[in-house]
């Protein structure tokens, strides 16, 4: 249970770390101050400036500071990031066809509530395709699971 909570926390934290900036990529005084700069230090400083002064939030609500809240937020990170933390529980749940880790992975990859029972059934039916050996890695499981989902008419919309 502790690992499940940790994995969920990591997924939530990582999703905010790699999401398109709320208000757009040009939003806030930090972006204005570091305009034209590139690299991790400049991005961190711009983000800290925006976060500590609250100007990006103000800009989104008022439409100032180069902010526009009409855009669609995107995620460019790895959606399977938390899988390694719950591999043991996930494999046991897939073997049973139900469980907390199985549900957590479904949530992590964006499976809608109405499709989670089907997700559990499909993963259970394809256990040996997803978990090809006892030494399978989380990356292999993620790739295999993605392939299983691509082959399913109902789940293919959640595949990478």
N, C-alpha and C. Protein backbone atom coordinates (compact mmCIF):
# COMPACT_ATOMS: atom_id res chain seq x y z
N UNK A 1 0.82 -1.19 0.00
CA UNK A 1 0.00 0.00 0.00
C UNK A 1 0.87 1.26 0.00
N UNK A 2 1.97 1.22 0.80
CA UNK A 2 2.85 2.38 0.86
C UNK A 2 3.47 2.66 -0.50
N UNK A 3 3.85 1.59 -1.21
CA UNK A 3 4.45 1.79 -2.53
C UNK A 3 3.43 2.35 -3.52
N UNK A 4 2.19 1.93 -3.38
CA UNK A 4 1.14 2.43 -4.25
C UNK A 4 0.93 3.92 -4.04
N UNK A 5 0.91 4.35 -2.79
CA UNK A 5 0.76 5.77 -2.48
C UNK A 5 1.97 6.54 -3.00
N UNK A 6 3.17 5.99 -2.81
CA UNK A 6 4.39 6.64 -3.31
C UNK A 6 4.37 6.75 -4.82
N UNK A 7 3.99 5.68 -5.49
CA UNK A 7 3.95 5.70 -6.95
C UNK A 7 2.94 6.72 -7.46
N UNK A 8 1.78 6.75 -6.84
CA UNK A 8 0.76 7.72 -7.24
C UNK A 8 1.26 9.14 -7.04
N UNK A 9 1.94 9.39 -5.92
CA UNK A 9 2.49 10.72 -5.65
C UNK A 9 3.53 11.10 -6.69
N UNK A 10 4.39 10.14 -7.06
CA UNK A 10 5.41 10.41 -8.06
C UNK A 10 4.79 10.74 -9.42
N UNK A 11 3.76 10.01 -9.77
CA UNK A 11 3.09 10.26 -11.05
C UNK A 11 2.47 11.65 -11.06
N UNK A 12 1.80 12.01 -9.99
CA UNK A 12 1.17 13.33 -9.91
C UNK A 12 2.23 14.42 -9.96
N UNK A 13 3.30 14.25 -9.20
CA UNK A 13 4.38 15.25 -9.19
C UNK A 13 5.04 15.36 -10.55
N UNK A 14 5.28 14.22 -11.21
CA UNK A 14 5.95 14.27 -12.50
C UNK A 14 5.05 14.87 -13.57
N UNK A 15 3.75 14.66 -13.45
CA UNK A 15 2.85 15.22 -14.46
C UNK A 15 2.84 16.73 -14.41
N UNK A 16 2.99 17.32 -13.24
CA UNK A 16 3.04 18.77 -13.16
C UNK A 16 4.40 19.28 -13.58
N UNK A 17 5.43 18.49 -13.43
CA UNK A 17 6.77 18.94 -13.79
C UNK A 17 6.95 19.03 -15.29
N UNK A 18 6.23 18.22 -16.07
CA UNK A 18 6.43 18.19 -17.49
C UNK A 18 5.24 18.71 -18.30
N UNK A 19 4.25 19.23 -17.65
CA UNK A 19 3.07 19.73 -18.35
C UNK A 19 3.39 21.05 -19.03
N UNK A 20 2.65 21.33 -20.10
CA UNK A 20 2.75 22.65 -20.73
C UNK A 20 2.42 23.67 -19.67
N UNK A 21 3.16 24.75 -19.64
CA UNK A 21 2.97 25.76 -18.60
C UNK A 21 1.55 26.29 -18.61
N UNK A 22 0.87 26.27 -17.47
CA UNK A 22 -0.46 26.87 -17.40
C UNK A 22 -0.38 28.34 -17.82
N UNK A 23 -1.32 28.75 -18.63
CA UNK A 23 -1.30 30.13 -19.11
C UNK A 23 -0.49 30.28 -20.39
N UNK A 24 0.15 29.22 -20.81
CA UNK A 24 0.94 29.24 -22.04
C UNK A 24 2.41 29.36 -21.78
N UNK A 25 3.22 29.11 -22.81
CA UNK A 25 4.67 29.11 -22.65
C UNK A 25 5.28 30.50 -22.45
N UNK A 26 4.53 31.57 -22.65
CA UNK A 26 5.07 32.93 -22.50
C UNK A 26 4.49 33.65 -21.29
N UNK A 27 3.93 32.92 -20.37
CA UNK A 27 3.16 33.49 -19.28
C UNK A 27 4.01 33.86 -18.08
N UNK A 28 3.89 35.07 -17.60
CA UNK A 28 4.50 35.50 -16.35
C UNK A 28 5.75 36.35 -16.50
N UNK A 29 6.09 37.04 -15.39
CA UNK A 29 7.27 37.90 -15.38
C UNK A 29 8.56 37.11 -15.53
N UNK A 30 8.58 35.89 -15.02
CA UNK A 30 9.78 35.06 -15.16
C UNK A 30 10.13 34.83 -16.61
N UNK A 31 9.11 34.59 -17.42
CA UNK A 31 9.35 34.39 -18.85
C UNK A 31 9.80 35.70 -19.50
N UNK A 32 9.27 36.83 -19.03
CA UNK A 32 9.68 38.12 -19.56
C UNK A 32 11.14 38.40 -19.18
N UNK A 33 11.50 38.15 -17.91
CA UNK A 33 12.87 38.43 -17.45
C UNK A 33 13.91 37.55 -18.14
N UNK A 34 13.55 36.32 -18.43
CA UNK A 34 14.50 35.39 -19.02
C UNK A 34 14.21 35.13 -20.49
N UNK A 35 13.49 36.06 -21.14
CA UNK A 35 13.15 35.95 -22.55
C UNK A 35 14.43 35.76 -23.37
N UNK A 36 14.43 34.77 -24.25
CA UNK A 36 15.58 34.51 -25.11
C UNK A 36 16.59 33.55 -24.50
N UNK A 37 16.46 33.26 -23.22
CA UNK A 37 17.38 32.33 -22.56
C UNK A 37 16.92 30.90 -22.81
N UNK A 38 17.86 29.98 -22.72
CA UNK A 38 17.51 28.57 -22.86
C UNK A 38 18.30 27.77 -21.84
N UNK A 39 17.94 26.53 -21.70
CA UNK A 39 18.62 25.66 -20.77
C UNK A 39 17.88 25.56 -19.44
N UNK A 40 18.25 24.55 -18.68
CA UNK A 40 17.59 24.27 -17.42
C UNK A 40 17.66 25.42 -16.42
N UNK A 41 18.82 26.06 -16.21
CA UNK A 41 18.86 27.15 -15.22
C UNK A 41 17.87 28.28 -15.53
N UNK A 42 17.78 28.67 -16.79
CA UNK A 42 16.86 29.75 -17.17
C UNK A 42 15.41 29.34 -16.94
N UNK A 43 15.08 28.11 -17.29
CA UNK A 43 13.71 27.63 -17.09
C UNK A 43 13.36 27.55 -15.61
N UNK A 44 14.29 27.07 -14.81
CA UNK A 44 14.05 26.97 -13.37
C UNK A 44 13.86 28.36 -12.77
N UNK A 45 14.71 29.30 -13.16
CA UNK A 45 14.61 30.66 -12.62
C UNK A 45 13.30 31.33 -13.05
N UNK A 46 12.90 31.14 -14.31
CA UNK A 46 11.63 31.70 -14.77
C UNK A 46 10.46 31.10 -14.00
N UNK A 47 10.50 29.80 -13.81
CA UNK A 47 9.44 29.12 -13.07
C UNK A 47 9.39 29.58 -11.62
N UNK A 48 10.56 29.71 -10.99
CA UNK A 48 10.61 30.18 -9.60
C UNK A 48 10.08 31.61 -9.48
N UNK A 49 10.47 32.45 -10.42
CA UNK A 49 9.98 33.84 -10.42
C UNK A 49 8.45 33.87 -10.54
N UNK A 50 7.93 33.10 -11.46
CA UNK A 50 6.47 33.05 -11.64
C UNK A 50 5.78 32.47 -10.41
N UNK A 51 6.36 31.43 -9.84
CA UNK A 51 5.73 30.77 -8.71
C UNK A 51 5.78 31.56 -7.42
N UNK A 52 6.90 32.25 -7.16
CA UNK A 52 7.04 32.96 -5.89
C UNK A 52 6.30 34.28 -5.87
N UNK A 53 6.06 34.86 -7.02
CA UNK A 53 5.37 36.15 -7.04
C UNK A 53 3.88 36.01 -7.34
N UNK A 54 3.46 34.85 -7.84
CA UNK A 54 2.05 34.64 -8.14
C UNK A 54 1.58 35.39 -9.37
N UNK A 55 2.52 35.96 -10.13
CA UNK A 55 2.12 36.79 -11.27
C UNK A 55 1.54 35.98 -12.42
N UNK A 56 1.95 34.72 -12.58
CA UNK A 56 1.37 33.91 -13.64
C UNK A 56 -0.10 33.63 -13.35
N UNK A 57 -0.42 33.35 -12.09
CA UNK A 57 -1.81 33.12 -11.70
C UNK A 57 -2.64 34.37 -11.96
N UNK A 58 -2.11 35.52 -11.54
CA UNK A 58 -2.79 36.78 -11.79
C UNK A 58 -2.97 37.00 -13.29
N UNK A 59 -1.91 36.72 -14.06
CA UNK A 59 -1.98 36.90 -15.51
C UNK A 59 -3.02 36.03 -16.17
N UNK A 60 -3.17 34.80 -15.68
CA UNK A 60 -4.17 33.90 -16.27
C UNK A 60 -5.59 34.39 -15.98
N UNK A 61 -5.82 34.91 -14.78
CA UNK A 61 -7.17 35.35 -14.45
C UNK A 61 -7.51 36.70 -15.07
N UNK A 62 -6.48 37.53 -15.29
CA UNK A 62 -6.73 38.87 -15.83
C UNK A 62 -6.43 38.99 -17.32
N UNK A 63 -5.76 37.98 -17.88
CA UNK A 63 -5.40 38.04 -19.30
C UNK A 63 -4.20 38.93 -19.56
N UNK A 64 -3.37 39.17 -18.55
CA UNK A 64 -2.18 40.02 -18.71
C UNK A 64 -0.91 39.18 -18.56
N UNK A 65 0.23 39.83 -18.55
CA UNK A 65 1.54 39.18 -18.35
C UNK A 65 1.85 38.11 -19.40
N UNK A 66 1.28 38.25 -20.58
CA UNK A 66 1.54 37.28 -21.65
C UNK A 66 0.82 35.97 -21.46
N UNK A 67 -0.17 35.93 -20.58
CA UNK A 67 -0.86 34.69 -20.26
C UNK A 67 -2.17 34.55 -21.03
N UNK A 68 -2.49 33.32 -21.37
CA UNK A 68 -3.74 33.00 -22.04
C UNK A 68 -4.19 31.64 -21.54
N UNK A 69 -5.30 31.57 -20.86
CA UNK A 69 -5.79 30.32 -20.29
C UNK A 69 -6.69 29.55 -21.24
N UNK A 70 -6.73 29.96 -22.52
CA UNK A 70 -7.60 29.29 -23.48
C UNK A 70 -6.95 28.07 -24.12
N UNK A 71 -5.62 27.93 -23.99
CA UNK A 71 -4.92 26.81 -24.61
C UNK A 71 -5.19 25.50 -23.90
N UNK A 72 -4.80 24.43 -24.55
CA UNK A 72 -4.97 23.08 -24.01
C UNK A 72 -3.67 22.67 -23.33
N UNK A 73 -3.78 22.22 -22.09
CA UNK A 73 -2.60 21.72 -21.39
C UNK A 73 -2.17 20.41 -22.00
N UNK A 74 -0.88 20.22 -22.12
CA UNK A 74 -0.34 18.99 -22.68
C UNK A 74 0.67 18.38 -21.72
N UNK A 75 0.98 17.12 -21.94
CA UNK A 75 1.96 16.42 -21.12
C UNK A 75 2.95 15.75 -22.05
N UNK A 76 4.22 16.09 -21.89
CA UNK A 76 5.24 15.53 -22.76
C UNK A 76 6.13 14.51 -22.08
N UNK A 77 5.79 14.12 -20.87
CA UNK A 77 6.63 13.18 -20.12
C UNK A 77 6.23 11.74 -20.37
N UNK A 78 6.81 10.85 -19.64
CA UNK A 78 6.57 9.43 -19.76
C UNK A 78 5.40 9.04 -18.86
N UNK A 79 4.30 8.58 -19.44
CA UNK A 79 3.13 8.25 -18.64
C UNK A 79 3.29 6.97 -17.84
N UNK A 80 4.31 6.19 -18.12
CA UNK A 80 4.51 4.92 -17.43
C UNK A 80 5.47 5.06 -16.25
N UNK A 81 5.87 6.29 -15.92
CA UNK A 81 6.92 6.53 -14.94
C UNK A 81 6.73 5.80 -13.61
N UNK A 82 5.54 5.76 -13.06
CA UNK A 82 5.31 5.16 -11.76
C UNK A 82 5.16 3.65 -11.76
N UNK A 83 5.18 3.03 -12.93
CA UNK A 83 4.97 1.58 -13.03
C UNK A 83 6.03 0.79 -12.27
N UNK A 84 7.28 1.21 -12.34
CA UNK A 84 8.36 0.47 -11.69
C UNK A 84 8.15 0.36 -10.18
N UNK A 85 7.55 1.36 -9.59
CA UNK A 85 7.35 1.37 -8.14
C UNK A 85 6.29 0.36 -7.68
N UNK A 86 5.42 -0.06 -8.58
CA UNK A 86 4.35 -0.99 -8.20
C UNK A 86 4.37 -2.27 -9.03
N UNK A 87 5.53 -2.61 -9.61
CA UNK A 87 5.62 -3.77 -10.49
C UNK A 87 5.14 -5.06 -9.83
N UNK A 88 5.59 -5.35 -8.62
CA UNK A 88 5.20 -6.60 -7.96
C UNK A 88 3.69 -6.67 -7.74
N UNK A 89 3.14 -5.59 -7.18
CA UNK A 89 1.70 -5.54 -6.93
C UNK A 89 0.92 -5.57 -8.23
N UNK A 90 1.42 -4.86 -9.24
CA UNK A 90 0.74 -4.82 -10.53
C UNK A 90 0.69 -6.20 -11.16
N UNK A 91 1.81 -6.93 -11.14
CA UNK A 91 1.81 -8.28 -11.75
C UNK A 91 0.85 -9.21 -11.01
N UNK A 92 0.80 -9.12 -9.69
CA UNK A 92 -0.12 -9.95 -8.92
C UNK A 92 -1.57 -9.60 -9.25
N UNK A 93 -1.86 -8.30 -9.36
CA UNK A 93 -3.22 -7.87 -9.68
C UNK A 93 -3.64 -8.29 -11.09
N UNK A 94 -2.71 -8.18 -12.04
CA UNK A 94 -3.02 -8.60 -13.41
C UNK A 94 -3.30 -10.11 -13.43
N UNK A 95 -2.52 -10.88 -12.68
CA UNK A 95 -2.73 -12.33 -12.60
C UNK A 95 -4.11 -12.66 -12.03
N UNK A 96 -4.56 -11.86 -11.04
CA UNK A 96 -5.88 -12.06 -10.43
C UNK A 96 -7.00 -11.43 -11.26
N UNK A 97 -6.68 -10.40 -12.03
CA UNK A 97 -7.69 -9.70 -12.81
C UNK A 97 -8.36 -8.57 -12.07
N UNK A 98 -7.81 -8.19 -10.91
CA UNK A 98 -8.35 -7.08 -10.12
C UNK A 98 -7.34 -6.66 -9.06
N UNK A 99 -7.53 -5.44 -8.53
CA UNK A 99 -6.69 -4.98 -7.44
C UNK A 99 -6.34 -3.51 -7.52
N UNK A 100 -5.79 -3.01 -6.42
CA UNK A 100 -5.47 -1.58 -6.31
C UNK A 100 -4.39 -1.14 -7.29
N UNK A 101 -3.33 -1.94 -7.42
CA UNK A 101 -2.23 -1.55 -8.32
C UNK A 101 -2.71 -1.56 -9.77
N UNK A 102 -3.52 -2.53 -10.13
CA UNK A 102 -4.08 -2.59 -11.49
C UNK A 102 -4.92 -1.35 -11.75
N UNK A 103 -5.75 -0.98 -10.80
CA UNK A 103 -6.57 0.22 -10.94
C UNK A 103 -5.69 1.48 -10.98
N UNK A 104 -4.65 1.52 -10.16
CA UNK A 104 -3.76 2.69 -10.14
C UNK A 104 -3.05 2.88 -11.48
N UNK A 105 -2.62 1.78 -12.09
CA UNK A 105 -1.98 1.87 -13.40
C UNK A 105 -2.99 2.34 -14.44
N UNK A 106 -4.21 1.83 -14.36
CA UNK A 106 -5.25 2.28 -15.29
C UNK A 106 -5.48 3.78 -15.17
N UNK A 107 -5.53 4.27 -13.94
CA UNK A 107 -5.71 5.71 -13.71
C UNK A 107 -4.50 6.47 -14.25
N UNK A 108 -3.29 5.95 -13.96
CA UNK A 108 -2.05 6.61 -14.36
C UNK A 108 -1.97 6.80 -15.87
N UNK A 109 -2.46 5.83 -16.63
CA UNK A 109 -2.36 5.95 -18.09
C UNK A 109 -3.61 6.55 -18.70
N UNK A 110 -4.56 6.94 -17.87
CA UNK A 110 -5.71 7.70 -18.36
C UNK A 110 -6.91 6.88 -18.79
N UNK A 111 -7.00 5.63 -18.37
CA UNK A 111 -8.16 4.80 -18.74
C UNK A 111 -9.38 5.34 -18.01
N UNK A 112 -10.42 5.65 -18.77
CA UNK A 112 -11.65 6.21 -18.20
C UNK A 112 -12.31 5.20 -17.26
N UNK A 113 -13.00 5.69 -16.23
CA UNK A 113 -13.65 4.78 -15.25
C UNK A 113 -14.52 3.71 -15.89
N UNK A 114 -15.23 4.05 -16.95
CA UNK A 114 -16.11 3.08 -17.59
C UNK A 114 -15.35 1.99 -18.36
N UNK A 115 -14.05 2.19 -18.61
CA UNK A 115 -13.25 1.21 -19.33
C UNK A 115 -12.30 0.41 -18.43
N UNK A 116 -12.28 0.70 -17.15
CA UNK A 116 -11.31 0.05 -16.25
C UNK A 116 -11.59 -1.43 -16.03
N UNK A 117 -12.84 -1.82 -15.96
CA UNK A 117 -13.16 -3.24 -15.81
C UNK A 117 -12.70 -4.00 -17.05
N UNK A 118 -12.91 -3.41 -18.22
CA UNK A 118 -12.45 -4.03 -19.47
C UNK A 118 -10.92 -4.08 -19.50
N UNK A 119 -10.27 -3.01 -19.04
CA UNK A 119 -8.81 -2.97 -18.96
C UNK A 119 -8.30 -4.12 -18.09
N UNK A 120 -8.94 -4.32 -16.94
CA UNK A 120 -8.54 -5.41 -16.03
C UNK A 120 -8.70 -6.76 -16.71
N UNK A 121 -9.80 -6.95 -17.41
CA UNK A 121 -10.05 -8.24 -18.08
C UNK A 121 -9.03 -8.49 -19.20
N UNK A 122 -8.76 -7.47 -19.99
CA UNK A 122 -7.82 -7.61 -21.11
C UNK A 122 -6.40 -7.87 -20.60
N UNK A 123 -5.98 -7.14 -19.57
CA UNK A 123 -4.63 -7.38 -19.04
C UNK A 123 -4.54 -8.78 -18.44
N UNK A 124 -5.60 -9.21 -17.76
CA UNK A 124 -5.62 -10.56 -17.17
C UNK A 124 -5.49 -11.62 -18.27
N UNK A 125 -6.24 -11.46 -19.35
CA UNK A 125 -6.21 -12.42 -20.46
C UNK A 125 -4.85 -12.44 -21.16
N UNK A 126 -4.12 -11.34 -21.09
CA UNK A 126 -2.84 -11.22 -21.78
C UNK A 126 -1.65 -11.19 -20.82
N UNK A 127 -1.81 -11.78 -19.66
CA UNK A 127 -0.75 -11.76 -18.65
C UNK A 127 0.60 -12.20 -19.22
N UNK A 128 0.62 -13.34 -19.91
CA UNK A 128 1.90 -13.87 -20.41
C UNK A 128 2.49 -13.02 -21.54
N UNK A 129 1.68 -12.24 -22.21
CA UNK A 129 2.17 -11.32 -23.23
C UNK A 129 2.78 -10.08 -22.59
N UNK A 130 2.20 -9.64 -21.48
CA UNK A 130 2.68 -8.44 -20.78
C UNK A 130 3.89 -8.76 -19.92
N UNK A 131 3.82 -9.85 -19.18
CA UNK A 131 4.92 -10.28 -18.30
C UNK A 131 5.58 -11.50 -18.93
N UNK A 132 6.56 -11.23 -19.79
CA UNK A 132 7.17 -12.29 -20.60
C UNK A 132 8.14 -13.18 -19.84
N UNK A 133 8.62 -12.73 -18.69
CA UNK A 133 9.52 -13.55 -17.86
C UNK A 133 9.52 -13.00 -16.44
N UNK A 134 10.13 -13.74 -15.53
CA UNK A 134 10.21 -13.26 -14.15
C UNK A 134 11.13 -12.06 -14.02
N UNK A 135 12.05 -11.89 -14.94
CA UNK A 135 13.00 -10.78 -14.87
C UNK A 135 12.62 -9.62 -15.79
N UNK A 136 11.38 -9.57 -16.22
CA UNK A 136 10.93 -8.50 -17.11
C UNK A 136 11.05 -7.15 -16.40
N UNK A 137 11.44 -6.13 -17.14
CA UNK A 137 11.60 -4.80 -16.56
C UNK A 137 10.31 -4.00 -16.70
N UNK A 138 10.20 -2.93 -15.95
CA UNK A 138 9.03 -2.05 -16.04
C UNK A 138 8.90 -1.47 -17.44
N UNK A 139 10.03 -1.17 -18.05
CA UNK A 139 10.00 -0.63 -19.42
C UNK A 139 9.43 -1.66 -20.39
N UNK A 140 9.85 -2.94 -20.23
CA UNK A 140 9.31 -4.01 -21.07
C UNK A 140 7.81 -4.19 -20.84
N UNK A 141 7.41 -4.17 -19.58
CA UNK A 141 5.99 -4.33 -19.24
C UNK A 141 5.18 -3.18 -19.86
N UNK A 142 5.70 -1.97 -19.75
CA UNK A 142 5.00 -0.81 -20.32
C UNK A 142 4.85 -0.96 -21.83
N UNK A 143 5.92 -1.37 -22.49
CA UNK A 143 5.87 -1.55 -23.95
C UNK A 143 4.89 -2.67 -24.32
N UNK A 144 4.96 -3.80 -23.59
CA UNK A 144 4.06 -4.93 -23.87
C UNK A 144 2.60 -4.56 -23.61
N UNK A 145 2.37 -3.86 -22.52
CA UNK A 145 1.01 -3.44 -22.19
C UNK A 145 0.47 -2.49 -23.25
N UNK A 146 1.32 -1.60 -23.72
CA UNK A 146 0.92 -0.67 -24.77
C UNK A 146 0.52 -1.42 -26.04
N UNK A 147 1.27 -2.46 -26.38
CA UNK A 147 0.95 -3.27 -27.57
C UNK A 147 -0.37 -4.01 -27.39
N UNK A 148 -0.60 -4.56 -26.21
CA UNK A 148 -1.86 -5.24 -25.92
C UNK A 148 -3.02 -4.25 -26.05
N UNK A 149 -2.84 -3.05 -25.53
CA UNK A 149 -3.90 -2.04 -25.60
C UNK A 149 -4.14 -1.59 -27.04
N UNK A 150 -3.09 -1.46 -27.83
CA UNK A 150 -3.25 -1.08 -29.24
C UNK A 150 -4.07 -2.10 -30.01
N UNK A 151 -3.94 -3.38 -29.63
CA UNK A 151 -4.65 -4.45 -30.32
C UNK A 151 -6.11 -4.58 -29.90
N UNK A 152 -6.50 -3.90 -28.84
CA UNK A 152 -7.87 -3.97 -28.35
C UNK A 152 -8.66 -2.76 -28.85
N UNK A 153 -9.79 -3.01 -29.49
CA UNK A 153 -10.58 -1.92 -30.08
C UNK A 153 -11.03 -0.88 -29.05
N UNK A 154 -11.32 -1.32 -27.85
CA UNK A 154 -11.81 -0.40 -26.81
C UNK A 154 -10.69 0.34 -26.10
N UNK A 155 -9.52 -0.28 -25.99
CA UNK A 155 -8.42 0.31 -25.23
C UNK A 155 -7.38 1.01 -26.10
N UNK A 156 -7.46 0.86 -27.41
CA UNK A 156 -6.41 1.43 -28.26
C UNK A 156 -6.30 2.95 -28.19
N UNK A 157 -7.34 3.61 -27.78
CA UNK A 157 -7.29 5.07 -27.64
C UNK A 157 -6.42 5.52 -26.48
N UNK A 158 -6.11 4.59 -25.55
CA UNK A 158 -5.25 4.92 -24.40
C UNK A 158 -3.79 4.55 -24.66
N UNK A 159 -3.51 3.87 -25.74
CA UNK A 159 -2.14 3.46 -26.06
C UNK A 159 -1.34 4.65 -26.58
N UNK A 160 -0.03 4.53 -26.43
CA UNK A 160 0.86 5.62 -26.90
C UNK A 160 0.89 5.70 -28.40
